[in-house]
Amino acid sequence: MNAVAAEDFTLDYIFESLNALPSFPKVVQKAMKLLDDPETTMEQLAEVLKYDQALTANILRLTNSAHFGISRQVTSLETALALLGQQQIRQVLIASASMPFLSKDTEGYNMQAADLWAHGMGCAIISEVVAARCGFSEPAVLFTAALLHDIGKTVMHLYVGPRIREIVTRANTGDVTFTEAEWAVLGGDHAVIGSDILRKWEFPPDIVRAVRNHHDPDLYMHDDLSAMLAISDIFAVQMGIGVGVDGFRYKIHPELPARLGMDQHSIHQCMLDGYSAYRKAADLLNLVEES
């Protein structure tokens, strides 16, 4: 897709452009449904996945990263699935399938391909720490939402780019956030577009909702998953992980940490643990540069 003329900057046009976006791999969606069935065997799962060679290659690359803690080199899909826990399998599948979408330049946000992947993966890794701190029982769900929370930027940057100065000027000179400036100039923002992409890709409604809500305090304060995603994103931005031109131009609800049962000490501990986990996952972050 190429940048369009100024007269095409309407929300309807942006939504129509999503029809040209490639679909999320159906084999991964099928595999995720199999994982929901407790009777599914690893052999059945491997049978579904093995014919997608690119996906299998990414699964093996991710499985062999330090983040997933496998002590020996894994060279077969069946072995990878056998050694990973179910939550880790979900994470590896989503990350493997998402890599081609998140390894693109988003020039409108002043982000290179490695930046979008680093921010998504960084936010996902930090979300594991947040999930543990909050006692959340489905960390793979939060991991998925965190990894894909900025997927809307892959489309929006085509429209933000030519008018980025106007948006940044509004965000700098007016009492508005980057999101509010996007809405004023373009009639939409990357969170709304991202949620629509995930809806088209048939992701669960709770993940779609969290991606939609993650920059809107009025929405994320009323939903656990959205609130955890919002604070994971905030931590990633404060650490400077894959930050674009919009990075520090968002409002944070002052009661968000308390909403999640966090005090100043636990915030600092989450950030320390999250940054440590992120640093240990350096090989994961380099996968985009190697591909």
C-alpha atoms as a PDB file:
ATOM      1  CA  MET A   1       0.000   0.000   0.000  1.00  0.00           C
ATOM      2  CA  ASN A   2       1.229   3.467  -0.841  1.00  0.00           C
ATOM      3  CA  ALA A   3       0.612   6.789   0.850  1.00  0.00           C
ATOM      4  CA  VAL A   4      -2.580   8.441  -0.356  1.00  0.00           C
ATOM      5  CA  ALA A   5      -3.610  11.969  -1.202  1.00  0.00           C
ATOM      6  CA  ALA A   6      -4.784  14.351   1.495  1.00  0.00           C
ATOM      7  CA  GLU A   7      -8.415  14.162   0.356  1.00  0.00           C
ATOM      8  CA  ASP A   8      -8.425  10.425   1.141  1.00  0.00           C
ATOM      9  CA  PHE A   9      -7.706  10.968   4.839  1.00  0.00           C
ATOM     10  CA  THR A  10     -11.021   9.726   6.193  1.00  0.00           C
ATOM     11  CA  LEU A  11     -11.762   7.007   8.699  1.00  0.00           C
ATOM     12  CA  ASP A  12     -13.935   5.187   6.153  1.00  0.00           C
ATOM     13  CA  TYR A  13     -11.053   5.116   3.674  1.00  0.00           C
ATOM     14  CA  ILE A  14      -8.684   3.785   6.329  1.00  0.00           C
ATOM     15  CA  PHE A  15     -11.110   1.018   7.284  1.00  0.00           C
ATOM     16  CA  GLU A  16     -11.589   0.137   3.605  1.00  0.00           C
ATOM     17  CA  SER A  17      -7.828  -0.168   3.225  1.00  0.00           C
ATOM     18  CA  LEU A  18      -7.858  -3.025   5.751  1.00  0.00           C
ATOM     19  CA  ASN A  19      -9.396  -5.240   3.082  1.00  0.00           C
ATOM     20  CA  ALA A  20      -6.009  -5.267   1.344  1.00  0.00           C
ATOM     21  CA  LEU A  21      -4.219  -6.445   4.501  1.00  0.00           C
ATOM     22  CA  PRO A  22      -3.060 -10.094   4.386  1.00  0.00           C
ATOM     23  CA  SER A  23      -4.999 -12.440   6.652  1.00  0.00           C
ATOM     24  CA  PHE A  24      -3.516 -13.861   9.840  1.00  0.00           C
ATOM     25  CA  PRO A  25      -2.294 -17.437   9.208  1.00  0.00           C
ATOM     26  CA  LYS A  26      -5.311 -19.731   9.406  1.00  0.00           C
ATOM     27  CA  VAL A  27      -3.097 -22.593  10.508  1.00  0.00           C
ATOM     28  CA  VAL A  28      -2.251 -20.682  13.695  1.00  0.00           C
ATOM     29  CA  GLN A  29      -5.904 -19.933  14.391  1.00  0.00           C
ATOM     30  CA  LYS A  30      -6.664 -23.625  13.951  1.00  0.00           C
ATOM     31  CA  ALA A  31      -3.773 -24.577  16.239  1.00  0.00           C
ATOM     32  CA  MET A  32      -4.996 -22.160  18.916  1.00  0.00           C
ATOM     33  CA  LYS A  33      -8.431 -23.783  18.823  1.00  0.00           C
ATOM     34  CA  LEU A  34      -6.819 -27.208  19.165  1.00  0.00           C
ATOM     35  CA  LEU A  35      -4.991 -25.976  22.267  1.00  0.00           C
ATOM     36  CA  ASP A  36      -8.362 -25.109  23.804  1.00  0.00           C
ATOM     37  CA  ASP A  37      -9.268 -28.814  23.643  1.00  0.00           C
ATOM     38  CA  PRO A  38      -7.664 -30.735  26.544  1.00  0.00           C
ATOM     39  CA  GLU A  39      -7.803 -33.926  24.453  1.00  0.00           C
ATOM     40  CA  THR A  40      -5.463 -32.536  21.780  1.00  0.00           C
ATOM     41  CA  THR A  41      -2.073 -34.262  21.545  1.00  0.00           C
ATOM     42  CA  MET A  42       1.197 -32.635  20.518  1.00  0.00           C
ATOM     43  CA  GLU A  43       1.266 -34.973  17.509  1.00  0.00           C
ATOM     44  CA  GLN A  44      -2.078 -33.584  16.319  1.00  0.00           C
ATOM     45  CA  LEU A  45      -0.822 -30.040  16.808  1.00  0.00           C
ATOM     46  CA  ALA A  46       2.388 -30.732  14.898  1.00  0.00           C
ATOM     47  CA  GLU A  47       0.374 -32.273  12.062  1.00  0.00           C
ATOM     48  CA  VAL A  48      -1.510 -28.987  11.627  1.00  0.00           C
ATOM     49  CA  LEU A  49       1.596 -26.798  11.747  1.00  0.00           C
ATOM     50  CA  LYS A  50       4.252 -28.737   9.908  1.00  0.00           C
ATOM     51  CA  TYR A  51       3.187 -27.901   6.355  1.00  0.00           C
ATOM     52  CA  ASP A  52       3.787 -24.167   6.873  1.00  0.00           C
ATOM     53  CA  GLN A  53       7.551 -24.076   6.466  1.00  0.00           C
ATOM     54  CA  ALA A  54       8.040 -20.379   7.220  1.00  0.00           C
ATOM     55  CA  LEU A  55       5.959 -20.643  10.390  1.00  0.00           C
ATOM     56  CA  THR A  56       7.796 -23.777  11.487  1.00  0.00           C
ATOM     57  CA  ALA A  57      11.145 -22.031  10.968  1.00  0.00           C
ATOM     58  CA  ASN A  58      10.019 -19.102  13.129  1.00  0.00           C
ATOM     59  CA  ILE A  59       8.709 -21.475  15.821  1.00  0.00           C
ATOM     60  CA  LEU A  60      12.113 -23.163  16.020  1.00  0.00           C
ATOM     61  CA  ARG A  61      13.963 -19.831  16.106  1.00  0.00           C
ATOM     62  CA  LEU A  62      11.767 -18.590  18.930  1.00  0.00           C
ATOM     63  CA  THR A  63      11.907 -21.863  20.851  1.00  0.00           C
ATOM     64  CA  ASN A  64      15.712 -21.772  20.766  1.00  0.00           C
ATOM     65  CA  SER A  65      15.809 -18.235  22.174  1.00  0.00           C
ATOM     66  CA  ALA A  66      16.968 -17.765  25.757  1.00  0.00           C
ATOM     67  CA  HIS A  67      13.573 -16.356  26.747  1.00  0.00           C
ATOM     68  CA  PHE A  68      11.870 -19.746  26.586  1.00  0.00           C
ATOM     69  CA  GLY A  69      14.557 -21.460  28.611  1.00  0.00           C
ATOM     70  CA  ILE A  70      15.091 -24.649  26.591  1.00  0.00           C
ATOM     71  CA  SER A  71      18.471 -26.026  27.664  1.00  0.00           C
ATOM     72  CA  ARG A  72      19.369 -27.726  24.380  1.00  0.00           C
ATOM     73  CA  GLN A  73      19.179 -26.887  20.695  1.00  0.00           C
ATOM     74  CA  VAL A  74      15.816 -27.855  19.231  1.00  0.00           C
ATOM     75  CA  THR A  75      15.746 -28.847  15.562  1.00  0.00           C
ATOM     76  CA  SER A  76      12.292 -30.376  15.078  1.00  0.00           C
ATOM     77  CA  LEU A  77       8.781 -29.016  15.461  1.00  0.00           C
ATOM     78  CA  GLU A  78       7.641 -32.078  17.399  1.00  0.00           C
ATOM     79  CA  THR A  79      10.458 -31.683  19.943  1.00  0.00           C
ATOM     80  CA  ALA A  80       9.754 -27.973  20.341  1.00  0.00           C
ATOM     81  CA  LEU A  81       6.096 -28.609  21.112  1.00  0.00           C
ATOM     82  CA  ALA A  82       6.961 -31.409  23.522  1.00  0.00           C
ATOM     83  CA  LEU A  83       9.410 -29.247  25.508  1.00  0.00           C
ATOM     84  CA  LEU A  84       7.269 -26.121  25.744  1.00  0.00           C
ATOM     85  CA  GLY A  85       4.376 -25.703  28.159  1.00  0.00           C
ATOM     86  CA  GLN A  86       0.946 -24.916  26.750  1.00  0.00           C
ATOM     87  CA  GLN A  87       1.159 -21.220  27.653  1.00  0.00           C
ATOM     88  CA  GLN A  88       4.569 -21.034  25.968  1.00  0.00           C
ATOM     89  CA  ILE A  89       3.251 -22.821  22.868  1.00  0.00           C
ATOM     90  CA  ARG A  90       0.547 -20.175  22.548  1.00  0.00           C
ATOM     91  CA  GLN A  91       3.124 -17.412  22.906  1.00  0.00           C
ATOM     92  CA  VAL A  92       5.482 -18.959  20.359  1.00  0.00           C
ATOM     93  CA  LEU A  93       2.670 -19.512  17.845  1.00  0.00           C
ATOM     94  CA  ILE A  94       1.413 -15.926  18.074  1.00  0.00           C
ATOM     95  CA  ALA A  95       4.916 -14.447  17.978  1.00  0.00           C
ATOM     96  CA  SER A  96       5.909 -16.640  15.011  1.00  0.00           C
ATOM     97  CA  ALA A  97       2.842 -15.646  13.004  1.00  0.00           C
ATOM     98  CA  SER A  98       3.060 -11.972  14.001  1.00  0.00           C
ATOM     99  CA  MET A  99       6.698 -11.460  13.040  1.00  0.00           C
ATOM    100  CA  PRO A 100       6.043 -10.738   9.332  1.00  0.00           C
ATOM    101  CA  PHE A 101       3.440  -8.095  10.237  1.00  0.00           C
ATOM    102  CA  LEU A 102       5.538  -6.400  12.925  1.00  0.00           C
ATOM    103  CA  SER A 103       8.798  -6.381  10.969  1.00  0.00           C
ATOM    104  CA  LYS A 104       7.830  -3.449   8.756  1.00  0.00           C
ATOM    105  CA  ASP A 105       8.944   0.161   8.742  1.00  0.00           C
ATOM    106  CA  THR A 106       6.283   2.520  10.080  1.00  0.00           C
ATOM    107  CA  GLU A 107       7.789   5.746   8.830  1.00  0.00           C
ATOM    108  CA  GLY A 108       4.787   7.849   9.806  1.00  0.00           C
ATOM    109  CA  TYR A 109       5.620   7.136  13.446  1.00  0.00           C
ATOM    110  CA  ASN A 110       9.376   7.476  12.827  1.00  0.00           C
ATOM    111  CA  MET A 111       9.885   3.766  13.554  1.00  0.00           C
ATOM    112  CA  GLN A 112      12.011   1.258  11.691  1.00  0.00           C
ATOM    113  CA  ALA A 113      11.050  -2.419  11.335  1.00  0.00           C
ATOM    114  CA  ALA A 114      13.161  -3.432  14.328  1.00  0.00           C
ATOM    115  CA  ASP A 115      11.459  -0.769  16.482  1.00  0.00           C
ATOM    116  CA  LEU A 116       7.903  -2.049  16.028  1.00  0.00           C
ATOM    117  CA  TRP A 117       8.956  -5.649  16.716  1.00  0.00           C
ATOM    118  CA  ALA A 118      11.080  -4.573  19.705  1.00  0.00           C
ATOM    119  CA  HIS A 119       8.239  -2.556  21.214  1.00  0.00           C
ATOM    120  CA  GLY A 120       5.653  -5.289  20.684  1.00  0.00           C
ATOM    121  CA  MET A 121       7.911  -8.051  22.005  1.00  0.00           C
ATOM    122  CA  GLY A 122       9.196  -5.842  24.820  1.00  0.00           C
ATOM    123  CA  CYS A 123       5.673  -5.016  25.892  1.00  0.00           C
ATOM    124  CA  ALA A 124       4.747  -8.732  25.701  1.00  0.00           C
ATOM    125  CA  ILE A 125       7.728  -9.756  27.846  1.00  0.00           C
ATOM    126  CA  ILE A 126       6.952  -7.051  30.395  1.00  0.00           C
ATOM    127  CA  SER A 127       3.320  -8.170  30.410  1.00  0.00           C
ATOM    128  CA  GLU A 128       4.427 -11.554  31.762  1.00  0.00           C
ATOM    129  CA  VAL A 129       5.852  -9.778  34.796  1.00  0.00           C
ATOM    130  CA  VAL A 130       2.669  -7.706  35.148  1.00  0.00           C
ATOM    131  CA  ALA A 131       0.482 -10.822  34.850  1.00  0.00           C
ATOM    132  CA  ALA A 132       2.456 -12.564  37.593  1.00  0.00           C
ATOM    133  CA  ARG A 133       2.289  -9.478  39.832  1.00  0.00           C
ATOM    134  CA  CYS A 134      -1.478  -9.185  39.330  1.00  0.00           C
ATOM    135  CA  GLY A 135      -2.147 -12.910  39.691  1.00  0.00           C
ATOM    136  CA  PHE A 136      -3.651 -13.086  36.203  1.00  0.00           C
ATOM    137  CA  SER A 137      -4.488 -16.676  35.276  1.00  0.00           C
ATOM    138  CA  GLU A 138      -4.118 -16.310  31.478  1.00  0.00           C
ATOM    139  CA  PRO A 139      -0.713 -14.718  30.828  1.00  0.00           C
ATOM    140  CA  ALA A 140      -0.682 -15.947  27.215  1.00  0.00           C
ATOM    141  CA  VAL A 141      -3.804 -13.872  26.518  1.00  0.00           C
ATOM    142  CA  LEU A 142      -2.128 -10.739  27.882  1.00  0.00           C
ATOM    143  CA  PHE A 143       1.084 -11.644  26.006  1.00  0.00           C
ATOM    144  CA  THR A 144      -0.886 -11.810  22.738  1.00  0.00           C
ATOM    145  CA  ALA A 145      -2.633  -8.481  23.331  1.00  0.00           C
ATOM    146  CA  ALA A 146       0.679  -6.858  24.292  1.00  0.00           C
ATOM    147  CA  LEU A 147       2.548  -8.220  21.276  1.00  0.00           C
ATOM    148  CA  LEU A 148      -0.120  -6.978  18.842  1.00  0.00           C
ATOM    149  CA  HIS A 149      -1.306  -3.813  20.602  1.00  0.00           C
ATOM    150  CA  ASP A 150       0.288  -1.510  17.991  1.00  0.00           C
ATOM    151  CA  ILE A 151      -0.602  -3.564  14.904  1.00  0.00           C
ATOM    152  CA  GLY A 152      -2.768  -0.636  13.774  1.00  0.00           C
ATOM    153  CA  LYS A 153       0.384   1.397  13.181  1.00  0.00           C
ATOM    154  CA  THR A 154       1.207  -0.807  10.189  1.00  0.00           C
ATOM    155  CA  VAL A 155      -1.796   0.738   8.429  1.00  0.00           C
ATOM    156  CA  MET A 156      -2.090   4.131  10.129  1.00  0.00           C
ATOM    157  CA  HIS A 157       1.480   5.177   9.361  1.00  0.00           C
ATOM    158  CA  LEU A 158       0.485   5.567   5.707  1.00  0.00           C
ATOM    159  CA  TYR A 159      -1.889   8.307   6.782  1.00  0.00           C
ATOM    160  CA  VAL A 160       0.016   9.724   9.740  1.00  0.00           C
ATOM    161  CA  GLY A 161       3.219  10.218   7.744  1.00  0.00           C
ATOM    162  CA  PRO A 162       2.161  13.063   5.441  1.00  0.00           C
ATOM    163  CA  ARG A 163       0.437  14.887   8.319  1.00  0.00           C
ATOM    164  CA  ILE A 164       2.714  13.995  11.202  1.00  0.00           C
ATOM    165  CA  ARG A 165       3.776  17.614  11.725  1.00  0.00           C
ATOM    166  CA  GLU A 166       0.181  18.704  12.132  1.00  0.00           C
ATOM    167  CA  ILE A 167      -0.510  15.899  14.615  1.00  0.00           C
ATOM    168  CA  VAL A 168       2.661  16.529  16.634  1.00  0.00           C
ATOM    169  CA  THR A 169       1.986  20.287  16.660  1.00  0.00           C
ATOM    170  CA  ARG A 170      -1.501  19.661  18.042  1.00  0.00           C
ATOM    171  CA  ALA A 171      -0.090  17.287  20.663  1.00  0.00           C
ATOM    172  CA  ASN A 172       2.650  19.753  21.650  1.00  0.00           C
ATOM    173  CA  THR A 173       0.766  23.030  21.648  1.00  0.00           C
ATOM    174  CA  GLY A 174      -2.704  21.950  22.725  1.00  0.00           C
ATOM    175  CA  ASP A 175      -3.810  20.125  25.853  1.00  0.00           C
ATOM    176  CA  VAL A 176      -4.336  16.908  23.898  1.00  0.00           C
ATOM    177  CA  THR A 177      -2.676  13.511  23.688  1.00  0.00           C
ATOM    178  CA  PHE A 178      -1.196  12.032  20.528  1.00  0.00           C
ATOM    179  CA  THR A 179      -4.310   9.864  20.229  1.00  0.00           C
ATOM    180  CA  GLU A 180      -6.589  12.905  20.483  1.00  0.00           C
ATOM    181  CA  ALA A 181      -4.465  14.684  17.881  1.00  0.00           C
ATOM    182  CA  GLU A 182      -4.751  11.661  15.543  1.00  0.00           C
ATOM    183  CA  TRP A 183      -8.527  11.731  15.933  1.00  0.00           C
ATOM    184  CA  ALA A 184      -8.672  15.477  15.280  1.00  0.00           C
ATOM    185  CA  VAL A 185      -6.555  15.243  12.110  1.00  0.00           C
ATOM    186  CA  LEU A 186      -7.422  11.808  10.723  1.00  0.00           C
ATOM    187  CA  GLY A 187     -10.690  10.824  12.395  1.00  0.00           C
ATOM    188  CA  GLY A 188      -9.197   7.729  14.018  1.00  0.00           C
ATOM    189  CA  ASP A 189      -6.150   6.315  15.790  1.00  0.00           C
ATOM    190  CA  HIS A 190      -3.977   3.213  15.651  1.00  0.00           C
ATOM    191  CA  ALA A 191      -5.738   1.543  18.605  1.00  0.00           C
ATOM    192  CA  VAL A 192      -9.119   1.626  16.872  1.00  0.00           C
ATOM    193  CA  ILE A 193      -7.623   0.448  13.576  1.00  0.00           C
ATOM    194  CA  GLY A 194      -5.638  -2.243  15.374  1.00  0.00           C
ATOM    195  CA  SER A 195      -8.712  -3.619  17.098  1.00  0.00           C
ATOM    196  CA  ASP A 196     -10.515  -3.783  13.766  1.00  0.00           C
ATOM    197  CA  ILE A 197      -7.580  -5.668  12.221  1.00  0.00           C
ATOM    198  CA  LEU A 198      -7.687  -8.215  15.051  1.00  0.00           C
ATOM    199  CA  ARG A 199     -11.464  -8.515  14.710  1.00  0.00           C
ATOM    200  CA  LYS A 200     -11.032  -9.287  11.009  1.00  0.00           C
ATOM    201  CA  TRP A 201      -8.389 -11.847  11.966  1.00  0.00           C
ATOM    202  CA  GLU A 202     -10.922 -13.474  14.334  1.00  0.00           C
ATOM    203  CA  PHE A 203      -9.033 -12.893  17.567  1.00  0.00           C
ATOM    204  CA  PRO A 204     -11.017 -13.328  20.812  1.00  0.00           C
ATOM    205  CA  PRO A 205     -13.176 -10.352  21.807  1.00  0.00           C
ATOM    206  CA  ASP A 206     -11.262  -9.715  25.041  1.00  0.00           C
ATOM    207  CA  ILE A 207      -8.004  -9.213  23.101  1.00  0.00           C
ATOM    208  CA  VAL A 208      -9.744  -7.008  20.510  1.00  0.00           C
ATOM    209  CA  ARG A 209     -11.228  -4.924  23.317  1.00  0.00           C
ATOM    210  CA  ALA A 210      -7.922  -4.544  25.168  1.00  0.00           C
ATOM    211  CA  VAL A 211      -6.126  -3.338  22.029  1.00  0.00           C
ATOM    212  CA  ARG A 212      -8.932  -0.834  21.404  1.00  0.00           C
ATOM    213  CA  ASN A 213      -8.767   0.422  24.994  1.00  0.00           C
ATOM    214  CA  HIS A 214      -5.050   0.586  25.739  1.00  0.00           C
ATOM    215  CA  HIS A 215      -4.647   4.352  25.189  1.00  0.00           C
ATOM    216  CA  ASP A 216      -8.067   5.372  26.545  1.00  0.00           C
ATOM    217  CA  PRO A 217      -8.169   5.766  30.350  1.00  0.00           C
ATOM    218  CA  ASP A 218     -11.961   6.001  30.343  1.00  0.00           C
ATOM    219  CA  LEU A 219     -12.057   2.487  28.868  1.00  0.00           C
ATOM    220  CA  TYR A 220      -9.056   0.622  30.252  1.00  0.00           C
ATOM    221  CA  MET A 221      -9.898   1.494  33.862  1.00  0.00           C
ATOM    222  CA  HIS A 222     -13.022  -0.690  33.614  1.00  0.00           C
ATOM    223  CA  ASP A 223     -11.430  -3.849  32.203  1.00  0.00           C
ATOM    224  CA  ASP A 224      -8.703  -5.983  33.820  1.00  0.00           C
ATOM    225  CA  LEU A 225      -7.003  -7.112  30.605  1.00  0.00           C
ATOM    226  CA  SER A 226      -7.077  -3.590  29.148  1.00  0.00           C
ATOM    227  CA  ALA A 227      -5.617  -2.127  32.348  1.00  0.00           C
ATOM    228  CA  MET A 228      -2.760  -4.657  32.425  1.00  0.00           C
ATOM    229  CA  LEU A 229      -2.038  -4.025  28.749  1.00  0.00           C
ATOM    230  CA  ALA A 230      -2.042  -0.260  29.313  1.00  0.00           C
ATOM    231  CA  ILE A 231       0.467  -0.408  32.153  1.00  0.00           C
ATOM    232  CA  SER A 232       2.682  -2.917  30.276  1.00  0.00           C
ATOM    233  CA  ASP A 233       2.788  -0.483  27.346  1.00  0.00           C
ATOM    234  CA  ILE A 234       3.538   2.427  29.673  1.00  0.00           C
ATOM    235  CA  PHE A 235       6.434   0.513  31.244  1.00  0.00           C
ATOM    236  CA  ALA A 236       7.832  -0.365  27.793  1.00  0.00           C
ATOM    237  CA  VAL A 237       7.658   3.273  26.697  1.00  0.00           C
ATOM    238  CA  GLN A 238       9.269   4.515  29.914  1.00  0.00           C
ATOM    239  CA  MET A 239      12.125   2.067  29.287  1.00  0.00           C
ATOM    240  CA  GLY A 240      12.526   3.521  25.785  1.00  0.00           C
ATOM    241  CA  ILE A 241      11.792   0.224  24.032  1.00  0.00           C
ATOM    242  CA  GLY A 242      10.940   0.787  20.359  1.00  0.00           C
ATOM    243  CA  VAL A 243       9.618   4.291  20.973  1.00  0.00           C
ATOM    244  CA  GLY A 244       8.417   6.324  17.988  1.00  0.00           C
ATOM    245  CA  VAL A 245       7.435   9.952  17.602  1.00  0.00           C
ATOM    246  CA  ASP A 246       4.271   9.331  19.632  1.00  0.00           C
ATOM    247  CA  GLY A 247       6.034   7.569  22.508  1.00  0.00           C
ATOM    248  CA  PHE A 248       5.706  10.000  25.398  1.00  0.00           C
ATOM    249  CA  ARG A 249       2.594  11.834  24.250  1.00  0.00           C
ATOM    250  CA  TYR A 250      -0.118   9.833  26.034  1.00  0.00           C
ATOM    251  CA  LYS A 251      -1.972  10.495  29.263  1.00  0.00           C
ATOM    252  CA  ILE A 252      -1.859   7.969  32.085  1.00  0.00           C
ATOM    253  CA  HIS A 253      -4.768   7.608  34.476  1.00  0.00           C
ATOM    254  CA  PRO A 254      -3.360   8.443  37.939  1.00  0.00           C
ATOM    255  CA  GLU A 255      -5.312   5.564  39.503  1.00  0.00           C
ATOM    256  CA  LEU A 256      -4.127   2.895  37.040  1.00  0.00           C
ATOM    257  CA  PRO A 257      -1.461   1.366  39.329  1.00  0.00           C
ATOM    258  CA  ALA A 258      -3.899   1.287  42.260  1.00  0.00           C
ATOM    259  CA  ARG A 259      -6.509  -0.294  39.961  1.00  0.00           C
ATOM    260  CA  LEU A 260      -4.062  -3.189  39.564  1.00  0.00           C
ATOM    261  CA  GLY A 261      -3.065  -3.304  43.223  1.00  0.00           C
ATOM    262  CA  MET A 262       0.354  -1.728  42.664  1.00  0.00           C
ATOM    263  CA  ASP A 263       2.100   0.727  44.962  1.00  0.00           C
ATOM    264  CA  GLN A 264       5.286   2.668  44.228  1.00  0.00           C
ATOM    265  CA  HIS A 265       7.489  -0.216  45.342  1.00  0.00           C
ATOM    266  CA  SER A 266       5.744  -2.810  43.185  1.00  0.00           C
ATOM    267  CA  ILE A 267       5.835  -0.456  40.181  1.00  0.00           C
ATOM    268  CA  HIS A 268       9.599  -0.139  40.523  1.00  0.00           C
ATOM    269  CA  GLN A 269       9.954  -3.899  41.005  1.00  0.00           C
ATOM    270  CA  CYS A 270       7.845  -4.612  37.906  1.00  0.00           C
ATOM    271  CA  MET A 271       9.977  -2.274  35.860  1.00  0.00           C
ATOM    272  CA  LEU A 272      13.210  -3.794  37.151  1.00  0.00           C
ATOM    273  CA  ASP A 273      12.008  -7.357  36.543  1.00  0.00           C
ATOM    274  CA  GLY A 274      10.521  -6.406  33.173  1.00  0.00           C
ATOM    275  CA  TYR A 275      13.710  -4.731  32.003  1.00  0.00           C
ATOM    276  CA  SER A 276      15.792  -7.681  33.186  1.00  0.00           C
ATOM    277  CA  ALA A 277      13.559 -10.106  31.273  1.00  0.00           C
ATOM    278  CA  TYR A 278      13.723  -7.856  28.211  1.00  0.00           C
ATOM    279  CA  ARG A 279      17.524  -7.748  28.282  1.00  0.00           C
ATOM    280  CA  LYS A 280      17.685 -11.535  28.580  1.00  0.00           C
ATOM    281  CA  ALA A 281      15.526 -11.799  25.461  1.00  0.00           C
ATOM    282  CA  ALA A 282      17.979  -9.936  23.215  1.00  0.00           C
ATOM    283  CA  ASP A 283      18.142 -12.884  20.819  1.00  0.00           C
ATOM    284  CA  LEU A 284      14.360 -12.691  20.358  1.00  0.00           C
ATOM    285  CA  LEU A 285      14.611  -9.027  19.423  1.00  0.00           C
ATOM    286  CA  ASN A 286      17.330  -9.725  16.858  1.00  0.00           C
ATOM    287  CA  LEU A 287      15.170 -12.177  14.907  1.00  0.00           C
ATOM    288  CA  VAL A 288      13.756  -9.391  12.728  1.00  0.00           C
ATOM    289  CA  GLU A 289      17.235  -8.178  11.772  1.00  0.00           C
ATOM    290  CA  GLU A 290      18.287 -11.749  10.969  1.00  0.00           C
ATOM    291  CA  SER A 291      15.215 -12.559   8.818  1.00  0.00           C
END
